[in-house]
Amino acid sequence: MKKTIERITKQHDALVDVIQWLDEKNFSNTKIREKVDNILNHSRKLHEESNMELEIYQIKKRNGENV
């Protein structure tokens, strides 16, 4: 699970870089920029539920439960 969390973190960081690059190149008003912004900044519930799933998985694994 550590590698999954690491992968998600790296994907997030890459999307932040994409947003910054698009803004620097004056592509702030494009559909791709809007999509990236939505997943990074406007998907709070999705992020919370995803984090909860990861936490539950880790707790179950620590407790020796089937996962």
C-alpha atoms as a PDB file:
ATOM      1  CA  MET A   1       0.000   0.000   0.000  1.00  0.00           C
ATOM      2  CA  LYS A   2       2.947   2.314   0.564  1.00  0.00           C
ATOM      3  CA  LYS A   3       3.725   2.208  -3.143  1.00  0.00           C
ATOM      4  CA  THR A   4       0.114   3.057  -3.998  1.00  0.00           C
ATOM      5  CA  ILE A   5       0.236   6.091  -1.731  1.00  0.00           C
ATOM      6  CA  GLU A   6       3.601   7.071  -3.233  1.00  0.00           C
ATOM      7  CA  ARG A   7       2.171   6.740  -6.762  1.00  0.00           C
ATOM      8  CA  ILE A   8      -0.873   8.868  -5.924  1.00  0.00           C
ATOM      9  CA  THR A   9       1.344  11.518  -4.345  1.00  0.00           C
ATOM     10  CA  LYS A  10       3.576  11.639  -7.424  1.00  0.00           C
ATOM     11  CA  GLN A  11       0.539  11.893  -9.705  1.00  0.00           C
ATOM     12  CA  HIS A  12      -0.779  14.788  -7.628  1.00  0.00           C
ATOM     13  CA  ASP A  13       2.588  16.551  -7.789  1.00  0.00           C
ATOM     14  CA  ALA A  14       2.722  16.049 -11.562  1.00  0.00           C
ATOM     15  CA  LEU A  15      -0.746  17.577 -11.964  1.00  0.00           C
ATOM     16  CA  VAL A  16       0.305  20.580  -9.873  1.00  0.00           C
ATOM     17  CA  ASP A  17       3.270  20.997 -12.228  1.00  0.00           C
ATOM     18  CA  VAL A  18       0.918  20.786 -15.229  1.00  0.00           C
ATOM     19  CA  ILE A  19      -1.310  23.537 -13.787  1.00  0.00           C
ATOM     20  CA  GLN A  20       1.710  25.764 -13.191  1.00  0.00           C
ATOM     21  CA  TRP A  21       3.073  25.129 -16.695  1.00  0.00           C
ATOM     22  CA  LEU A  22      -0.297  25.842 -18.313  1.00  0.00           C
ATOM     23  CA  ASP A  23      -0.579  29.093 -16.379  1.00  0.00           C
ATOM     24  CA  GLU A  24       2.983  30.142 -17.290  1.00  0.00           C
ATOM     25  CA  LYS A  25       2.272  29.502 -20.986  1.00  0.00           C
ATOM     26  CA  ASN A  26      -1.007  31.458 -20.861  1.00  0.00           C
ATOM     27  CA  PHE A  27      -3.185  28.369 -21.277  1.00  0.00           C
ATOM     28  CA  SER A  28      -5.201  29.198 -18.173  1.00  0.00           C
ATOM     29  CA  ASN A  29      -8.505  29.215 -20.017  1.00  0.00           C
ATOM     30  CA  THR A  30      -8.451  25.758 -21.625  1.00  0.00           C
ATOM     31  CA  LYS A  31     -10.486  22.592 -21.132  1.00  0.00           C
ATOM     32  CA  ILE A  32      -7.450  20.553 -20.067  1.00  0.00           C
ATOM     33  CA  ARG A  33      -6.536  23.157 -17.458  1.00  0.00           C
ATOM     34  CA  GLU A  34     -10.108  23.073 -16.168  1.00  0.00           C
ATOM     35  CA  LYS A  35     -10.040  19.258 -15.926  1.00  0.00           C
ATOM     36  CA  VAL A  36      -6.766  19.231 -14.027  1.00  0.00           C
ATOM     37  CA  ASP A  37      -7.959  22.006 -11.723  1.00  0.00           C
ATOM     38  CA  ASN A  38     -11.204  20.144 -11.003  1.00  0.00           C
ATOM     39  CA  ILE A  39      -9.467  16.940  -9.943  1.00  0.00           C
ATOM     40  CA  LEU A  40      -6.897  18.802  -7.847  1.00  0.00           C
ATOM     41  CA  ASN A  41      -9.047  21.443  -6.212  1.00  0.00           C
ATOM     42  CA  HIS A  42     -12.719  20.626  -6.567  1.00  0.00           C
ATOM     43  CA  SER A  43     -12.975  16.930  -5.734  1.00  0.00           C
ATOM     44  CA  ARG A  44     -12.827  17.167  -1.953  1.00  0.00           C
ATOM     45  CA  LYS A  45     -15.331  14.366  -1.354  1.00  0.00           C
ATOM     46  CA  LEU A  46     -13.508  12.034  -3.756  1.00  0.00           C
ATOM     47  CA  HIS A  47     -10.170  12.785  -2.075  1.00  0.00           C
ATOM     48  CA  GLU A  48     -11.635  12.241   1.396  1.00  0.00           C
ATOM     49  CA  GLU A  49     -13.275   8.938   0.438  1.00  0.00           C
ATOM     50  CA  SER A  50     -10.124   7.729  -1.295  1.00  0.00           C
ATOM     51  CA  ASN A  51      -8.008   8.590   1.739  1.00  0.00           C
ATOM     52  CA  MET A  52     -10.506   6.814   3.982  1.00  0.00           C
ATOM     53  CA  GLU A  53     -10.285   3.649   1.862  1.00  0.00           C
ATOM     54  CA  LEU A  54      -6.506   3.707   2.090  1.00  0.00           C
ATOM     55  CA  GLU A  55      -6.604   4.206   5.854  1.00  0.00           C
ATOM     56  CA  ILE A  56      -9.113   1.378   6.369  1.00  0.00           C
ATOM     57  CA  TYR A  57      -6.985  -0.936   4.244  1.00  0.00           C
ATOM     58  CA  GLN A  58      -3.882  -0.106   6.264  1.00  0.00           C
ATOM     59  CA  ILE A  59      -5.668  -0.603   9.586  1.00  0.00           C
ATOM     60  CA  LYS A  60      -7.043  -3.971   8.496  1.00  0.00           C
ATOM     61  CA  LYS A  61      -3.638  -5.056   7.248  1.00  0.00           C
ATOM     62  CA  ARG A  62      -2.000  -4.042  10.564  1.00  0.00           C
ATOM     63  CA  ASN A  63      -4.643  -6.001  12.467  1.00  0.00           C
ATOM     64  CA  GLY A  64      -4.048  -9.099  10.361  1.00  0.00           C
ATOM     65  CA  GLU A  65      -7.472  -9.021   8.728  1.00  0.00           C
ATOM     66  CA  ASN A  66      -8.106 -10.231   5.189  1.00  0.00           C
ATOM     67  CA  VAL A  67      -7.770  -7.358   2.743  1.00  0.00           C
END
